[in-house]
PDB file of N, CA and C in Angstrom:
ATOM      1  N   PRO A   1      -7.777  26.232 -20.761  1.00  0.00           N
ATOM      2  CA  PRO A   1      -6.543  26.397 -19.996  1.00  0.00           C
ATOM      3  C   PRO A   1      -5.801  25.067 -19.856  1.00  0.00           C
ATOM      4  N   THR A   2      -4.495  25.165 -19.804  1.00  0.00           N
ATOM      5  CA  THR A   2      -3.655  23.981 -19.649  1.00  0.00           C
ATOM      6  C   THR A   2      -3.584  23.596 -18.186  1.00  0.00           C
ATOM      7  N   ARG A   3      -3.706  22.287 -17.928  1.00  0.00           N
ATOM      8  CA  ARG A   3      -3.621  21.810 -16.546  1.00  0.00           C
ATOM      9  C   ARG A   3      -2.169  21.503 -16.214  1.00  0.00           C
ATOM     10  N   ARG A   4      -1.766  21.893 -15.026  1.00  0.00           N
ATOM     11  CA  ARG A   4      -0.433  21.556 -14.545  1.00  0.00           C
ATOM     12  C   ARG A   4      -0.461  20.142 -13.985  1.00  0.00           C
ATOM     13  N   SER A   5       0.706  19.487 -13.915  1.00  0.00           N
ATOM     14  CA  SER A   5       0.758  18.128 -13.384  1.00  0.00           C
ATOM     15  C   SER A   5       0.274  18.093 -11.939  1.00  0.00           C
ATOM     16  N   SER A   6       0.410  19.199 -11.216  1.00  0.00           N
ATOM     17  CA  SER A   6      -0.044  19.247  -9.828  1.00  0.00           C
ATOM     18  C   SER A   6      -1.572  19.251  -9.731  1.00  0.00           C
ATOM     19  N   ASP A   7      -2.261  19.477 -10.856  1.00  0.00           N
ATOM     20  CA  ASP A   7      -3.721  19.482 -10.878  1.00  0.00           C
ATOM     21  C   ASP A   7      -4.304  18.105 -11.191  1.00  0.00           C
ATOM     22  N   LEU A   8      -3.452  17.101 -11.388  1.00  0.00           N
ATOM     23  CA  LEU A   8      -3.917  15.813 -11.870  1.00  0.00           C
ATOM     24  C   LEU A   8      -3.883  14.735 -10.799  1.00  0.00           C
ATOM     25  N   LEU A   9      -4.869  13.875 -10.859  1.00  0.00           N
ATOM     26  CA  LEU A   9      -4.901  12.681 -10.034  1.00  0.00           C
ATOM     27  C   LEU A   9      -3.798  11.750 -10.540  1.00  0.00           C
ATOM     28  N   ALA A  10      -2.998  11.192  -9.646  1.00  0.00           N
ATOM     29  CA  ALA A  10      -1.865  10.373 -10.070  1.00  0.00           C
ATOM     30  C   ALA A  10      -1.841   9.038  -9.340  1.00  0.00           C
ATOM     31  N   LEU A  11      -1.508   7.990 -10.089  1.00  0.00           N
ATOM     32  CA  LEU A  11      -1.360   6.646  -9.546  1.00  0.00           C
ATOM     33  C   LEU A  11      -0.006   6.121 -10.003  1.00  0.00           C
ATOM     34  N   ALA A  12       0.893   5.910  -9.057  1.00  0.00           N
ATOM     35  CA  ALA A  12       2.235   5.416  -9.384  1.00  0.00           C
ATOM     36  C   ALA A  12       2.200   3.898  -9.550  1.00  0.00           C
ATOM     37  N   PRO A  13       3.194   3.327 -10.236  1.00  0.00           N
ATOM     38  CA  PRO A  13       3.257   1.862 -10.326  1.00  0.00           C
ATOM     39  C   PRO A  13       3.382   1.250  -8.930  1.00  0.00           C
ATOM     40  N   ALA A  14       2.706   0.124  -8.711  1.00  0.00           N
ATOM     41  CA  ALA A  14       2.806  -0.575  -7.425  1.00  0.00           C
ATOM     42  C   ALA A  14       4.234  -1.075  -7.246  1.00  0.00           C
ATOM     43  N   ARG A  15       4.689  -1.067  -5.989  1.00  0.00           N
ATOM     44  CA  ARG A  15       6.050  -1.529  -5.692  1.00  0.00           C
ATOM     45  C   ARG A  15       6.030  -2.466  -4.511  1.00  0.00           C
ATOM     46  N   PRO A  16       6.605  -3.650  -4.585  1.00  0.00           N
ATOM     47  CA  PRO A  16       7.176  -4.194  -5.812  1.00  0.00           C
ATOM     48  C   PRO A  16       6.099  -4.819  -6.689  1.00  0.00           C
ATOM     49  N   THR A  17       6.421  -4.981  -7.937  1.00  0.00           N
ATOM     50  CA  THR A  17       5.635  -5.816  -8.838  1.00  0.00           C
ATOM     51  C   THR A  17       6.623  -6.476  -9.784  1.00  0.00           C
ATOM     52  N   PRO A  18       6.581  -7.769  -9.935  1.00  0.00           N
ATOM     53  CA  PRO A  18       5.625  -8.655  -9.289  1.00  0.00           C
ATOM     54  C   PRO A  18       5.876  -8.768  -7.782  1.00  0.00           C
ATOM     55  N   PHE A  19       4.838  -9.268  -7.074  1.00  0.00           N
ATOM     56  CA  PHE A  19       4.933  -9.434  -5.624  1.00  0.00           C
ATOM     57  C   PHE A  19       4.288 -10.752  -5.234  1.00  0.00           C
ATOM     58  N   SER A  20       4.590 -11.208  -4.018  1.00  0.00           N
ATOM     59  CA  SER A  20       3.927 -12.418  -3.542  1.00  0.00           C
ATOM     60  C   SER A  20       3.118 -12.143  -2.279  1.00  0.00           C
ATOM     61  N   ASP A  21       3.641 -11.347  -1.354  1.00  0.00           N
ATOM     62  CA  ASP A  21       2.943 -11.125  -0.081  1.00  0.00           C
ATOM     63  C   ASP A  21       2.339  -9.734   0.086  1.00  0.00           C
ATOM     64  N   ARG A  22       2.983  -8.710  -0.478  1.00  0.00           N
ATOM     65  CA  ARG A  22       2.508  -7.350  -0.273  1.00  0.00           C
ATOM     66  C   ARG A  22       3.090  -6.423  -1.330  1.00  0.00           C
ATOM     67  N   THR A  23       2.255  -5.491  -1.769  1.00  0.00           N
ATOM     68  CA  THR A  23       2.721  -4.437  -2.659  1.00  0.00           C
ATOM     69  C   THR A  23       2.137  -3.122  -2.166  1.00  0.00           C
ATOM     70  N   ASP A  24       2.874  -2.043  -2.349  1.00  0.00           N
ATOM     71  CA  ASP A  24       2.420  -0.722  -1.923  1.00  0.00           C
ATOM     72  C   ASP A  24       2.005   0.089  -3.143  1.00  0.00           C
ATOM     73  N   VAL A  25       0.852   0.733  -3.020  1.00  0.00           N
ATOM     74  CA  VAL A  25       0.296   1.549  -4.085  1.00  0.00           C
ATOM     75  C   VAL A  25       0.341   3.004  -3.639  1.00  0.00           C
ATOM     76  N   SER A  26       1.080   3.839  -4.367  1.00  0.00           N
ATOM     77  CA  SER A  26       1.177   5.262  -4.042  1.00  0.00           C
ATOM     78  C   SER A  26       0.315   6.053  -5.017  1.00  0.00           C
ATOM     79  N   TRP A  27      -0.436   7.001  -4.468  1.00  0.00           N
ATOM     80  CA  TRP A  27      -1.330   7.807  -5.295  1.00  0.00           C
ATOM     81  C   TRP A  27      -1.415   9.206  -4.717  1.00  0.00           C
ATOM     82  N   THR A  28      -1.767  10.165  -5.583  1.00  0.00           N
ATOM     83  CA  THR A  28      -1.793  11.564  -5.174  1.00  0.00           C
ATOM     84  C   THR A  28      -3.114  12.198  -5.578  1.00  0.00           C
ATOM     85  N   MET A  29      -3.711  12.886  -4.617  1.00  0.00           N
ATOM     86  CA  MET A  29      -4.942  13.648  -4.858  1.00  0.00           C
ATOM     87  C   MET A  29      -4.545  15.121  -5.001  1.00  0.00           C
ATOM     88  N   PRO A  30      -4.914  15.783  -6.113  1.00  0.00           N
ATOM     89  CA  PRO A  30      -4.555  17.184  -6.291  1.00  0.00           C
ATOM     90  C   PRO A  30      -5.287  18.101  -5.314  1.00  0.00           C
ATOM     91  N   ARG A  31      -6.462  17.656  -4.857  1.00  0.00           N
ATOM     92  CA  ARG A  31      -7.229  18.426  -3.867  1.00  0.00           C
ATOM     93  C   ARG A  31      -8.068  17.437  -3.067  1.00  0.00           C
ATOM     94  N   ALA A  32      -8.539  17.853  -1.938  1.00  0.00           N
ATOM     95  CA  ALA A  32      -9.371  16.982  -1.105  1.00  0.00           C
ATOM     96  C   ALA A  32     -10.613  16.555  -1.873  1.00  0.00           C
ATOM     97  N   GLY A  33     -11.044  15.324  -1.646  1.00  0.00           N
ATOM     98  CA  GLY A  33     -12.232  14.828  -2.331  1.00  0.00           C
ATOM     99  C   GLY A  33     -12.459  13.362  -2.030  1.00  0.00           C
ATOM    100  N   VAL A  34     -13.454  12.812  -2.687  1.00  0.00           N
ATOM    101  CA  VAL A  34     -13.787  11.405  -2.516  1.00  0.00           C
ATOM    102  C   VAL A  34     -13.007  10.585  -3.541  1.00  0.00           C
ATOM    103  N   ALA A  35     -12.384   9.505  -3.076  1.00  0.00           N
ATOM    104  CA  ALA A  35     -11.607   8.636  -3.962  1.00  0.00           C
ATOM    105  C   ALA A  35     -11.942   7.180  -3.670  1.00  0.00           C
ATOM    106  N   THR A  36     -11.761   6.357  -4.694  1.00  0.00           N
ATOM    107  CA  THR A  36     -11.909   4.916  -4.544  1.00  0.00           C
ATOM    108  C   THR A  36     -10.694   4.261  -5.187  1.00  0.00           C
ATOM    109  N   LEU A  37     -10.069   3.345  -4.445  1.00  0.00           N
ATOM    110  CA  LEU A  37      -8.917   2.594  -4.934  1.00  0.00           C
ATOM    111  C   LEU A  37      -9.283   1.117  -4.850  1.00  0.00           C
ATOM    112  N   CYS A  38      -9.371   0.457  -6.011  1.00  0.00           N
ATOM    113  CA  CYS A  38      -9.836  -0.932  -6.060  1.00  0.00           C
ATOM    114  C   CYS A  38      -8.887  -1.804  -6.863  1.00  0.00           C
ATOM    115  N   VAL A  39      -8.970  -3.107  -6.591  1.00  0.00           N
ATOM    116  CA  VAL A  39      -8.242  -4.114  -7.355  1.00  0.00           C
ATOM    117  C   VAL A  39      -9.262  -4.907  -8.163  1.00  0.00           C
ATOM    118  N   TYR A  40      -8.972  -5.103  -9.454  1.00  0.00           N
ATOM    119  CA  TYR A  40      -9.834  -5.869 -10.349  1.00  0.00           C
ATOM    120  C   TYR A  40      -9.039  -7.013 -10.964  1.00  0.00           C
ATOM    121  N   ASP A  41      -9.721  -8.124 -11.254  1.00  0.00           N
ATOM    122  CA  ASP A  41      -9.061  -9.213 -11.969  1.00  0.00           C
ATOM    123  C   ASP A  41      -9.119  -8.922 -13.468  1.00  0.00           C
ATOM    124  N   VAL A  42      -8.526  -9.799 -14.265  1.00  0.00           N
ATOM    125  CA  VAL A  42      -8.441  -9.545 -15.708  1.00  0.00           C
ATOM    126  C   VAL A  42      -9.806  -9.610 -16.398  1.00  0.00           C
ATOM    127  N   LEU A  43     -10.814 -10.169 -15.737  1.00  0.00           N
ATOM    128  CA  LEU A  43     -12.162 -10.197 -16.300  1.00  0.00           C
ATOM    129  C   LEU A  43     -12.981  -8.971 -15.894  1.00  0.00           C
ATOM    130  N   GLY A  44     -12.359  -8.063 -15.137  1.00  0.00           N
ATOM    131  CA  GLY A  44     -13.041  -6.842 -14.740  1.00  0.00           C
ATOM    132  C   GLY A  44     -13.865  -6.951 -13.476  1.00  0.00           C
ATOM    133  N   ARG A  45     -13.727  -8.062 -12.764  1.00  0.00           N
ATOM    134  CA  ARG A  45     -14.458  -8.226 -11.503  1.00  0.00           C
ATOM    135  C   ARG A  45     -13.680  -7.567 -10.371  1.00  0.00           C
ATOM    136  N   ARG A  46     -14.412  -6.843  -9.520  1.00  0.00           N
ATOM    137  CA  ARG A  46     -13.755  -6.203  -8.376  1.00  0.00           C
ATOM    138  C   ARG A  46     -13.335  -7.287  -7.397  1.00  0.00           C
ATOM    139  N   VAL A  47     -12.056  -7.289  -7.060  1.00  0.00           N
ATOM    140  CA  VAL A  47     -11.485  -8.262  -6.139  1.00  0.00           C
ATOM    141  C   VAL A  47     -11.498  -7.703  -4.723  1.00  0.00           C
ATOM    142  N   ARG A  48     -11.142  -6.420  -4.601  1.00  0.00           N
ATOM    143  CA  ARG A  48     -11.070  -5.807  -3.274  1.00  0.00           C
ATOM    144  C   ARG A  48     -11.061  -4.286  -3.397  1.00  0.00           C
ATOM    145  N   THR A  49     -11.688  -3.637  -2.442  1.00  0.00           N
ATOM    146  CA  THR A  49     -11.612  -2.179  -2.329  1.00  0.00           C
ATOM    147  C   THR A  49     -10.540  -1.880  -1.284  1.00  0.00           C
ATOM    148  N   LEU A  50      -9.520  -1.152  -1.688  1.00  0.00           N
ATOM    149  CA  LEU A  50      -8.409  -0.836  -0.785  1.00  0.00           C
ATOM    150  C   LEU A  50      -8.635   0.466  -0.036  1.00  0.00           C
ATOM    151  N   ALA A  51      -9.309   1.414  -0.654  1.00  0.00           N
ATOM    152  CA  ALA A  51      -9.581   2.710  -0.012  1.00  0.00           C
ATOM    153  C   ALA A  51     -10.846   3.273  -0.636  1.00  0.00           C
ATOM    154  N   GLU A  52     -11.666   3.900   0.192  1.00  0.00           N
ATOM    155  CA  GLU A  52     -12.910   4.477  -0.311  1.00  0.00           C
ATOM    156  C   GLU A  52     -13.370   5.566   0.639  1.00  0.00           C
ATOM    157  N   GLY A  53     -13.719   6.712   0.071  1.00  0.00           N
ATOM    158  CA  GLY A  53     -14.241   7.801   0.886  1.00  0.00           C
ATOM    159  C   GLY A  53     -13.446   9.079   0.739  1.00  0.00           C
ATOM    160  N   ALA A  54     -13.732  10.018   1.627  1.00  0.00           N
ATOM    161  CA  ALA A  54     -13.087  11.332   1.581  1.00  0.00           C
ATOM    162  C   ALA A  54     -11.608  11.207   1.940  1.00  0.00           C
ATOM    163  N   ARG A  55     -10.784  11.884   1.169  1.00  0.00           N
ATOM    164  CA  ARG A  55      -9.340  11.895   1.401  1.00  0.00           C
ATOM    165  C   ARG A  55      -8.831  13.321   1.261  1.00  0.00           C
ATOM    166  N   PRO A  56      -7.816  13.671   2.055  1.00  0.00           N
ATOM    167  CA  PRO A  56      -7.223  15.004   1.910  1.00  0.00           C
ATOM    168  C   PRO A  56      -6.350  15.076   0.664  1.00  0.00           C
ATOM    169  N   ALA A  57      -6.063  16.280   0.231  1.00  0.00           N
ATOM    170  CA  ALA A  57      -5.135  16.473  -0.879  1.00  0.00           C
ATOM    171  C   ALA A  57      -3.759  15.966  -0.462  1.00  0.00           C
ATOM    172  N   GLY A  58      -2.993  15.531  -1.450  1.00  0.00           N
ATOM    173  CA  GLY A  58      -1.625  15.119  -1.168  1.00  0.00           C
ATOM    174  C   GLY A  58      -1.360  13.668  -1.498  1.00  0.00           C
ATOM    175  N   ALA A  59      -0.201  13.193  -1.039  1.00  0.00           N
ATOM    176  CA  ALA A  59       0.271  11.842  -1.339  1.00  0.00           C
ATOM    177  C   ALA A  59      -0.286  10.833  -0.343  1.00  0.00           C
ATOM    178  N   HIS A  60      -0.613   9.661  -0.864  1.00  0.00           N
ATOM    179  CA  HIS A  60      -1.145   8.564  -0.055  1.00  0.00           C
ATOM    180  C   HIS A  60      -0.453   7.271  -0.483  1.00  0.00           C
ATOM    181  N   THR A  61      -0.304   6.345   0.440  1.00  0.00           N
ATOM    182  CA  THR A  61       0.208   5.017   0.120  1.00  0.00           C
ATOM    183  C   THR A  61      -0.698   4.004   0.782  1.00  0.00           C
ATOM    184  N   THR A  62      -1.133   3.022   0.000  1.00  0.00           N
ATOM    185  CA  THR A  62      -2.025   1.981   0.482  1.00  0.00           C
ATOM    186  C   THR A  62      -1.409   0.636   0.140  1.00  0.00           C
ATOM    187  N   ALA A  63      -1.379  -0.273   1.107  1.00  0.00           N
ATOM    188  CA  ALA A  63      -0.810  -1.598   0.883  1.00  0.00           C
ATOM    189  C   ALA A  63      -1.900  -2.569   0.435  1.00  0.00           C
ATOM    190  N   TRP A  64      -1.519  -3.509  -0.433  1.00  0.00           N
ATOM    191  CA  TRP A  64      -2.391  -4.632  -0.774  1.00  0.00           C
ATOM    192  C   TRP A  64      -1.648  -5.907  -0.443  1.00  0.00           C
ATOM    193  N   ASP A  65      -2.270  -6.747   0.373  1.00  0.00           N
ATOM    194  CA  ASP A  65      -1.658  -7.984   0.835  1.00  0.00           C
ATOM    195  C   ASP A  65      -1.975  -9.193  -0.048  1.00  0.00           C
ATOM    196  N   GLY A  66      -2.502  -8.956  -1.241  1.00  0.00           N
ATOM    197  CA  GLY A  66      -2.794 -10.054  -2.154  1.00  0.00           C
ATOM    198  C   GLY A  66      -4.024 -10.855  -1.765  1.00  0.00           C
ATOM    199  N   ARG A  67      -4.890 -10.242  -0.955  1.00  0.00           N
ATOM    200  CA  ARG A  67      -6.113 -10.929  -0.526  1.00  0.00           C
ATOM    201  C   ARG A  67      -7.334 -10.239  -1.119  1.00  0.00           C
ATOM    202  N   ASP A  68      -8.405 -11.014  -1.258  1.00  0.00           N
ATOM    203  CA  ASP A  68      -9.655 -10.454  -1.750  1.00  0.00           C
ATOM    204  C   ASP A  68     -10.445  -9.836  -0.601  1.00  0.00           C
ATOM    205  N   GLY A  69     -11.642  -9.377  -0.889  1.00  0.00           N
ATOM    206  CA  GLY A  69     -12.474  -8.720   0.114  1.00  0.00           C
ATOM    207  C   GLY A  69     -12.938  -9.628   1.239  1.00  0.00           C
ATOM    208  N   HIS A  70     -12.790 -10.953   1.054  1.00  0.00           N
ATOM    209  CA  HIS A  70     -13.174 -11.913   2.088  1.00  0.00           C
ATOM    210  C   HIS A  70     -11.971 -12.420   2.876  1.00  0.00           C
ATOM    211  N   GLY A  71     -10.773 -11.917   2.550  1.00  0.00           N
ATOM    212  CA  GLY A  71      -9.570 -12.318   3.266  1.00  0.00           C
ATOM    213  C   GLY A  71      -8.840 -13.508   2.665  1.00  0.00           C
ATOM    214  N   ALA A  72      -9.326 -14.039   1.547  1.00  0.00           N
ATOM    215  CA  ALA A  72      -8.674 -15.187   0.901  1.00  0.00           C
ATOM    216  C   ALA A  72      -7.574 -14.699  -0.042  1.00  0.00           C
ATOM    217  N   ARG A  73      -6.480 -15.463  -0.110  1.00  0.00           N
ATOM    218  CA  ARG A  73      -5.399 -15.138  -1.037  1.00  0.00           C
ATOM    219  C   ARG A  73      -5.911 -15.274  -2.468  1.00  0.00           C
ATOM    220  N   VAL A  74      -5.598 -14.290  -3.295  1.00  0.00           N
ATOM    221  CA  VAL A  74      -6.015 -14.367  -4.695  1.00  0.00           C
ATOM    222  C   VAL A  74      -4.996 -15.207  -5.461  1.00  0.00           C
ATOM    223  N   PRO A  75      -5.422 -15.825  -6.563  1.00  0.00           N
ATOM    224  CA  PRO A  75      -4.485 -16.622  -7.360  1.00  0.00           C
ATOM    225  C   PRO A  75      -3.391 -15.754  -7.974  1.00  0.00           C
ATOM    226  N   ALA A  76      -2.279 -16.387  -8.285  1.00  0.00           N
ATOM    227  CA  ALA A  76      -1.207 -15.691  -8.994  1.00  0.00           C
ATOM    228  C   ALA A  76      -1.751 -15.215 -10.335  1.00  0.00           C
ATOM    229  N   GLY A  77      -1.283 -14.068 -10.784  1.00  0.00           N
ATOM    230  CA  GLY A  77      -1.711 -13.550 -12.075  1.00  0.00           C
ATOM    231  C   GLY A  77      -1.678 -12.042 -12.109  1.00  0.00           C
ATOM    232  N   ALA A  78      -2.223 -11.496 -13.194  1.00  0.00           N
ATOM    233  CA  ALA A  78      -2.237 -10.044 -13.393  1.00  0.00           C
ATOM    234  C   ALA A  78      -3.534  -9.456 -12.842  1.00  0.00           C
ATOM    235  N   TYR A  79      -3.428  -8.289 -12.249  1.00  0.00           N
ATOM    236  CA  TYR A  79      -4.563  -7.560 -11.692  1.00  0.00           C
ATOM    237  C   TYR A  79      -4.430  -6.093 -12.071  1.00  0.00           C
ATOM    238  N   LEU A  80      -5.532  -5.371 -12.035  1.00  0.00           N
ATOM    239  CA  LEU A  80      -5.521  -3.930 -12.274  1.00  0.00           C
ATOM    240  C   LEU A  80      -5.849  -3.218 -10.978  1.00  0.00           C
ATOM    241  N   ILE A  81      -5.061  -2.230 -10.665  1.00  0.00           N
ATOM    242  CA  ILE A  81      -5.358  -1.356  -9.536  1.00  0.00           C
ATOM    243  C   ILE A  81      -5.906  -0.079 -10.154  1.00  0.00           C
ATOM    244  N   VAL A  82      -7.110   0.303  -9.732  1.00  0.00           N
ATOM    245  CA  VAL A  82      -7.812   1.441 -10.339  1.00  0.00           C
ATOM    246  C   VAL A  82      -8.123   2.486  -9.275  1.00  0.00           C
ATOM    247  N   LEU A  83      -7.729   3.717  -9.567  1.00  0.00           N
ATOM    248  CA  LEU A  83      -8.003   4.875  -8.709  1.00  0.00           C
ATOM    249  C   LEU A  83      -9.010   5.752  -9.432  1.00  0.00           C
ATOM    250  N   GLU A  84     -10.091   6.121  -8.736  1.00  0.00           N
ATOM    251  CA  GLU A  84     -11.104   6.996  -9.316  1.00  0.00           C
ATOM    252  C   GLU A  84     -11.424   8.131  -8.356  1.00  0.00           C
ATOM    253  N   SER A  85     -11.545   9.333  -8.918  1.00  0.00           N
ATOM    254  CA  SER A  85     -11.930  10.504  -8.134  1.00  0.00           C
ATOM    255  C   SER A  85     -12.418  11.589  -9.085  1.00  0.00           C
ATOM    256  N   GLU A  86     -13.540  12.199  -8.758  1.00  0.00           N
ATOM    257  CA  GLU A  86     -14.100  13.314  -9.523  1.00  0.00           C
ATOM    258  C   GLU A  86     -14.215  13.001 -11.018  1.00  0.00           C
ATOM    259  N   GLY A  87     -14.619  11.786 -11.348  1.00  0.00           N
ATOM    260  CA  GLY A  87     -14.803  11.408 -12.738  1.00  0.00           C
ATOM    261  C   GLY A  87     -13.526  11.078 -13.489  1.00  0.00           C
ATOM    262  N   VAL A  88     -12.398  11.093 -12.809  1.00  0.00           N
ATOM    263  CA  VAL A  88     -11.114  10.760 -13.428  1.00  0.00           C
ATOM    264  C   VAL A  88     -10.719   9.367 -12.954  1.00  0.00           C
ATOM    265  N   ARG A  89     -10.197   8.578 -13.888  1.00  0.00           N
ATOM    266  CA  ARG A  89      -9.819   7.200 -13.577  1.00  0.00           C
ATOM    267  C   ARG A  89      -8.377   6.956 -14.007  1.00  0.00           C
ATOM    268  N   ARG A  90      -7.611   6.349 -13.112  1.00  0.00           N
ATOM    269  CA  ARG A  90      -6.229   5.965 -13.402  1.00  0.00           C
ATOM    270  C   ARG A  90      -6.101   4.478 -13.084  1.00  0.00           C
ATOM    271  N   ALA A  91      -5.319   3.754 -13.893  1.00  0.00           N
ATOM    272  CA  ALA A  91      -5.159   2.320 -13.663  1.00  0.00           C
ATOM    273  C   ALA A  91      -3.708   1.903 -13.873  1.00  0.00           C
ATOM    274  N   ARG A  92      -3.298   0.908 -13.103  1.00  0.00           N
ATOM    275  CA  ARG A  92      -1.955   0.316 -13.214  1.00  0.00           C
ATOM    276  C   ARG A  92      -2.074  -1.190 -13.089  1.00  0.00           C
ATOM    277  N   ARG A  93      -1.234  -1.875 -13.821  1.00  0.00           N
ATOM    278  CA  ARG A  93      -1.206  -3.329 -13.779  1.00  0.00           C
ATOM    279  C   ARG A  93      -0.240  -3.779 -12.674  1.00  0.00           C
ATOM    280  N   VAL A  94      -0.601  -4.843 -11.983  1.00  0.00           N
ATOM    281  CA  VAL A  94       0.262  -5.421 -10.961  1.00  0.00           C
ATOM    282  C   VAL A  94       0.209  -6.943 -11.129  1.00  0.00           C
ATOM    283  N   VAL A  95       1.294  -7.605 -10.847  1.00  0.00           N
ATOM    284  CA  VAL A  95       1.362  -9.057 -10.993  1.00  0.00           C
ATOM    285  C   VAL A  95       1.638  -9.696  -9.641  1.00  0.00           C
ATOM    286  N   ARG A  96       0.802 -10.667  -9.287  1.00  0.00           N
ATOM    287  CA  ARG A  96       0.991 -11.416  -8.044  1.00  0.00           C
ATOM    288  C   ARG A  96       1.578 -12.775  -8.379  1.00  0.00           C
ATOM    289  N   LEU A  97       2.661 -13.118  -7.682  1.00  0.00           N
ATOM    290  CA  LEU A  97       3.330 -14.400  -7.865  1.00  0.00           C
ATOM    291  C   LEU A  97       2.737 -15.428  -6.901  1.00  0.00           C
ATOM    292  N   PRO A  98       2.936 -16.719  -7.189  1.00  0.00           N
ATOM    293  CA  PRO A  98       2.417 -17.750  -6.258  1.00  0.00           C
ATOM    294  C   PRO A  98       3.118 -17.693  -4.906  1.00  0.00           C
TER     295      PRO A  98
END
């Protein structure tokens, strides 16, 4: 069977990008479930977990303040924001300015 777009996990481009202080990440869960939203550096190391756990179906927006999991500002550069749920993975590139 063909899946409708409403059946798919979606990750919109972060806005704004590039950013210096804050970017908003919008994502949509087609149904309630467990999701993880993380930031990775270009070497694939997890920089920060932005959201993790059970989430209701629908649209969500999560902010990233350009800090790592310890609260330190990350260096300027490219990062990947990755959304995972039910074995499906979506990723978007975001650029942090100095």
